């Protein structure tokens, strides 16, 4: 699924979906290769030209929530922050990313 428009994933990279309004910023780049997708299609740099006619895969249309962080299911070394919500599901290829849960603060006495 990679195209010449596929963006380089590094800290601070701003990427957008080709199938919906989703935009993200890479908070923590991957230790290993990640095929960052949205709706089943590669995410691209904000200034890159999207492929015309792409549609989100039905099973990858769960959406991305504004202000939420997403990471790999089995490894939290990669993290993105959603800056613009959309209808596509963020993923590593066809494997959906998971919503990163906030850590509980210690209780004060």
Protein backbone atom coordinates (compact mmCIF):
# COMPACT_ATOMS: atom_id res chain seq x y z
CA UNK A 1 0.00 0.00 0.00
CA UNK A 2 2.95 2.35 0.06
CA UNK A 3 3.11 5.15 -2.48
CA UNK A 4 5.67 7.81 -3.34
CA UNK A 5 3.62 10.15 -1.10
CA UNK A 6 4.22 8.05 2.04
CA UNK A 7 5.65 10.34 4.71
CA UNK A 8 8.77 9.83 6.80
CA UNK A 9 7.78 9.20 10.41
CA UNK A 10 9.93 11.25 12.78
CA UNK A 11 9.27 13.27 15.94
CA UNK A 12 7.20 16.35 15.14
CA UNK A 13 6.13 15.13 11.70
CA UNK A 14 2.64 16.35 10.77
CA UNK A 15 0.69 13.83 8.73
CA UNK A 16 -2.78 13.65 7.22
CA UNK A 17 -5.13 11.01 5.99
CA UNK A 18 -5.89 10.48 2.31
CA UNK A 19 -9.45 9.32 3.01
CA UNK A 20 -10.80 11.65 5.73
CA UNK A 21 -10.02 14.81 7.71
CA UNK A 22 -7.69 13.12 10.25
CA UNK A 23 -4.39 14.87 10.97
CA UNK A 24 -1.73 13.79 13.50
CA UNK A 25 1.61 14.84 14.94
CA UNK A 26 4.19 12.15 15.71
CA UNK A 27 5.00 12.44 19.42
CA UNK A 28 7.33 9.45 19.60
CA UNK A 29 8.74 7.90 16.42
CA UNK A 30 8.75 4.12 16.04
CA UNK A 31 11.75 2.08 17.16
CA UNK A 32 11.07 -0.27 14.24
CA UNK A 33 9.26 0.38 10.98
CA UNK A 34 5.60 1.36 11.22
CA UNK A 35 3.30 1.61 8.20
CA UNK A 36 1.11 4.44 9.58
CA UNK A 37 -2.29 4.32 7.92
CA UNK A 38 -5.70 5.88 8.32
CA UNK A 39 -8.73 4.09 6.97
CA UNK A 40 -6.42 1.45 5.52
CA UNK A 41 -4.35 3.85 3.37
CA UNK A 42 -0.92 5.40 4.08
CA UNK A 43 -0.84 8.76 5.83
CA UNK A 44 1.00 11.52 3.97
CA UNK A 45 2.72 14.81 4.79
CA UNK A 46 0.39 17.81 5.07
CA UNK A 47 1.77 19.32 1.85
CA UNK A 48 1.75 16.07 -0.17
CA UNK A 49 -0.85 15.41 -2.82
CA UNK A 50 -3.37 12.68 -1.96
CA UNK A 51 -4.32 9.89 -4.34
CA UNK A 52 -7.70 10.71 -5.87
CA UNK A 53 -10.61 8.31 -5.37
CA UNK A 54 -9.47 6.51 -2.21
CA UNK A 55 -12.10 5.49 0.31
CA UNK A 56 -11.74 4.26 3.87
CA UNK A 57 -11.90 0.48 4.33
CA UNK A 58 -15.23 -0.34 6.07
CA UNK A 59 -13.54 -2.27 8.90
CA UNK A 60 -11.14 0.66 9.46
CA UNK A 61 -13.74 3.43 9.77
CA UNK A 62 -13.95 3.74 13.55
CA UNK A 63 -12.57 7.26 13.63
CA UNK A 64 -9.79 9.14 15.41
CA UNK A 65 -10.59 11.40 18.37
CA UNK A 66 -9.32 14.98 18.72
CA UNK A 67 -6.59 15.45 21.31
CA UNK A 68 -6.15 11.73 21.95
CA UNK A 69 -2.91 9.81 21.71
CA UNK A 70 -2.68 6.49 19.88
CA UNK A 71 0.00 3.82 20.13
CA UNK A 72 0.73 0.26 19.01
CA UNK A 73 -1.24 -2.40 20.88
CA UNK A 74 1.79 -4.42 22.02
CA UNK A 75 4.42 -1.66 22.27
CA UNK A 76 4.12 1.95 23.39
CA UNK A 77 7.38 3.11 21.81
CA UNK A 78 5.39 4.75 18.98
CA UNK A 79 2.84 7.48 19.67
CA UNK A 80 0.81 9.99 17.63
CA UNK A 81 -1.45 12.84 18.77
CA UNK A 82 -4.62 13.57 16.80
CA UNK A 83 -4.79 17.28 15.91
CA UNK A 84 -7.81 17.03 13.64
CA UNK A 85 -10.42 14.26 14.03
CA UNK A 86 -11.75 12.14 11.21
CA UNK A 87 -13.68 8.99 10.37
CA UNK A 88 -10.73 6.72 9.53
CA UNK A 89 -9.09 4.37 12.04
CA UNK A 90 -5.37 4.94 12.64
CA UNK A 91 -3.31 1.81 12.15
CA UNK A 92 -0.02 0.07 11.53
CA UNK A 93 -1.00 -1.28 8.15
CA UNK A 94 -4.33 -3.05 8.75
CA UNK A 95 -3.76 -3.40 12.52
CA UNK A 96 -5.58 -0.60 14.40
CA UNK A 97 -3.65 1.56 16.85
CA UNK A 98 -5.05 1.70 20.39
CA UNK A 99 -6.10 4.72 22.39
CA UNK A 100 -3.41 5.48 24.97
CA UNK A 101 -4.91 5.56 28.43
CA UNK A 102 -4.04 8.40 30.79
CA UNK A 103 -1.91 7.39 33.75
CA UNK A 104 -3.62 7.76 37.11
CA UNK A 105 -2.12 10.42 39.32
CA UNK A 106 -1.06 9.40 42.80
CA UNK A 107 -3.63 10.08 45.49
CA UNK A 108 -2.80 12.89 47.85
CA UNK A 109 -3.31 12.46 51.56
